[in-house]
Amino acid sequence: MSSSSASDAPVRIFVDSNVLIEGLFAPWSASRAILVLARSGVIRLVLSPYVEEEVERALLKRFGEDAYFAEDEQSFRTA
């Protein structure tokens, strides 16, 4: 038996768009704690394609397409 086991793997957590968006904009929220745990590798976030699209739409609505394309263009130049 190897020293690592399935219990060593991070717990997989499905989150919806509300958790992701609140986690980004509410620094003291439980949603932010979930994002911090995922970033540190304690848990692993599982997203559906629908949730990814919903978050993208919400961020585009909040910041506008110009901000999205400016960031995308900048990352393309530095790659």
C-alpha atoms as a PDB file:
ATOM      1  CA  MET A   1       0.000   0.000   0.000  1.00  0.00           C
ATOM      2  CA  SER A   2       1.377   3.424  -0.915  1.00  0.00           C
ATOM      3  CA  SER A   3       1.862   6.204   1.607  1.00  0.00           C
ATOM      4  CA  SER A   4      -0.690   8.434  -0.132  1.00  0.00           C
ATOM      5  CA  SER A   5      -4.312   7.471  -0.152  1.00  0.00           C
ATOM      6  CA  ALA A   6      -7.558   8.763  -1.567  1.00  0.00           C
ATOM      7  CA  SER A   7      -8.160  10.549   1.735  1.00  0.00           C
ATOM      8  CA  ASP A   8      -5.110  12.738   1.003  1.00  0.00           C
ATOM      9  CA  ALA A   9      -6.849  14.212  -2.048  1.00  0.00           C
ATOM     10  CA  PRO A  10      -8.632  17.527  -1.541  1.00  0.00           C
ATOM     11  CA  VAL A  11     -12.374  17.333  -1.011  1.00  0.00           C
ATOM     12  CA  ARG A  12     -14.214  18.322  -4.171  1.00  0.00           C
ATOM     13  CA  ILE A  13     -16.845  21.023  -3.660  1.00  0.00           C
ATOM     14  CA  PHE A  14     -19.387  22.087  -6.278  1.00  0.00           C
ATOM     15  CA  VAL A  15     -20.089  25.811  -6.108  1.00  0.00           C
ATOM     16  CA  ASP A  16     -22.534  27.970  -7.968  1.00  0.00           C
ATOM     17  CA  SER A  17     -21.958  31.408  -9.439  1.00  0.00           C
ATOM     18  CA  ASN A  18     -23.192  33.216  -6.316  1.00  0.00           C
ATOM     19  CA  VAL A  19     -20.388  31.714  -4.218  1.00  0.00           C
ATOM     20  CA  LEU A  20     -17.738  32.705  -6.752  1.00  0.00           C
ATOM     21  CA  ILE A  21     -18.984  36.260  -7.229  1.00  0.00           C
ATOM     22  CA  GLU A  22     -19.558  36.916  -3.525  1.00  0.00           C
ATOM     23  CA  GLY A  23     -16.152  35.426  -2.771  1.00  0.00           C
ATOM     24  CA  LEU A  24     -14.518  37.887  -5.146  1.00  0.00           C
ATOM     25  CA  PHE A  25     -16.237  40.986  -3.804  1.00  0.00           C
ATOM     26  CA  ALA A  26     -17.021  40.298  -0.129  1.00  0.00           C
ATOM     27  CA  PRO A  27     -13.707  39.893   1.705  1.00  0.00           C
ATOM     28  CA  TRP A  28     -15.124  38.673   5.040  1.00  0.00           C
ATOM     29  CA  SER A  29     -17.740  36.296   3.643  1.00  0.00           C
ATOM     30  CA  ALA A  30     -18.010  32.528   3.890  1.00  0.00           C
ATOM     31  CA  SER A  31     -17.752  32.519   0.101  1.00  0.00           C
ATOM     32  CA  ARG A  32     -14.323  34.162   0.330  1.00  0.00           C
ATOM     33  CA  ALA A  33     -13.285  31.499   2.838  1.00  0.00           C
ATOM     34  CA  ILE A  34     -14.227  28.827   0.300  1.00  0.00           C
ATOM     35  CA  LEU A  35     -12.079  30.523  -2.350  1.00  0.00           C
ATOM     36  CA  VAL A  36      -9.166  30.814   0.080  1.00  0.00           C
ATOM     37  CA  LEU A  37      -9.419  27.121   0.956  1.00  0.00           C
ATOM     38  CA  ALA A  38      -9.457  26.247  -2.737  1.00  0.00           C
ATOM     39  CA  ARG A  39      -6.484  28.486  -3.462  1.00  0.00           C
ATOM     40  CA  SER A  40      -4.513  26.849  -0.660  1.00  0.00           C
ATOM     41  CA  GLY A  41      -5.337  23.359  -1.963  1.00  0.00           C
ATOM     42  CA  VAL A  42      -7.424  22.235   1.009  1.00  0.00           C
ATOM     43  CA  ILE A  43     -10.475  21.794  -1.218  1.00  0.00           C
ATOM     44  CA  ARG A  44     -10.947  21.564  -4.963  1.00  0.00           C
ATOM     45  CA  LEU A  45     -13.684  23.569  -6.647  1.00  0.00           C
ATOM     46  CA  VAL A  46     -15.882  21.849  -9.198  1.00  0.00           C
ATOM     47  CA  LEU A  47     -17.728  24.058 -11.681  1.00  0.00           C
ATOM     48  CA  SER A  48     -20.154  23.252 -14.436  1.00  0.00           C
ATOM     49  CA  PRO A  49     -19.743  24.976 -17.798  1.00  0.00           C
ATOM     50  CA  TYR A  50     -23.027  26.771 -17.088  1.00  0.00           C
ATOM     51  CA  VAL A  51     -21.641  28.239 -13.849  1.00  0.00           C
ATOM     52  CA  GLU A  52     -18.492  29.397 -15.647  1.00  0.00           C
ATOM     53  CA  GLU A  53     -20.605  31.155 -18.298  1.00  0.00           C
ATOM     54  CA  GLU A  54     -22.848  32.705 -15.651  1.00  0.00           C
ATOM     55  CA  VAL A  55     -19.861  34.124 -13.748  1.00  0.00           C
ATOM     56  CA  GLU A  56     -18.365  35.480 -16.961  1.00  0.00           C
ATOM     57  CA  ARG A  57     -21.661  37.186 -17.864  1.00  0.00           C
ATOM     58  CA  ALA A  58     -21.953  38.698 -14.387  1.00  0.00           C
ATOM     59  CA  LEU A  59     -18.386  40.034 -14.461  1.00  0.00           C
ATOM     60  CA  LEU A  60     -18.841  41.454 -17.954  1.00  0.00           C
ATOM     61  CA  LYS A  61     -22.041  43.147 -16.810  1.00  0.00           C
ATOM     62  CA  ARG A  62     -20.271  44.609 -13.782  1.00  0.00           C
ATOM     63  CA  PHE A  63     -17.041  45.709 -15.484  1.00  0.00           C
ATOM     64  CA  GLY A  64     -18.004  45.855 -19.148  1.00  0.00           C
ATOM     65  CA  GLU A  65     -16.577  44.149 -22.174  1.00  0.00           C
ATOM     66  CA  ASP A  66     -13.883  46.791 -22.599  1.00  0.00           C
ATOM     67  CA  ALA A  67     -12.227  45.752 -19.325  1.00  0.00           C
ATOM     68  CA  TYR A  68     -12.421  42.090 -20.340  1.00  0.00           C
ATOM     69  CA  PHE A  69     -10.878  42.602 -23.763  1.00  0.00           C
ATOM     70  CA  ALA A  70      -8.207  44.987 -22.479  1.00  0.00           C
ATOM     71  CA  GLU A  71      -7.092  42.370 -19.942  1.00  0.00           C
ATOM     72  CA  ASP A  72      -7.236  39.592 -22.532  1.00  0.00           C
ATOM     73  CA  GLU A  73      -5.168  41.658 -24.972  1.00  0.00           C
ATOM     74  CA  GLN A  74      -2.590  42.482 -22.283  1.00  0.00           C
ATOM     75  CA  SER A  75      -2.167  38.829 -21.317  1.00  0.00           C
ATOM     76  CA  PHE A  76      -1.797  37.947 -24.990  1.00  0.00           C
ATOM     77  CA  ARG A  77       1.037  40.467 -25.370  1.00  0.00           C
ATOM     78  CA  THR A  78       2.926  39.172 -22.335  1.00  0.00           C
ATOM     79  CA  ALA A  79       2.549  35.485 -23.260  1.00  0.00           C
END
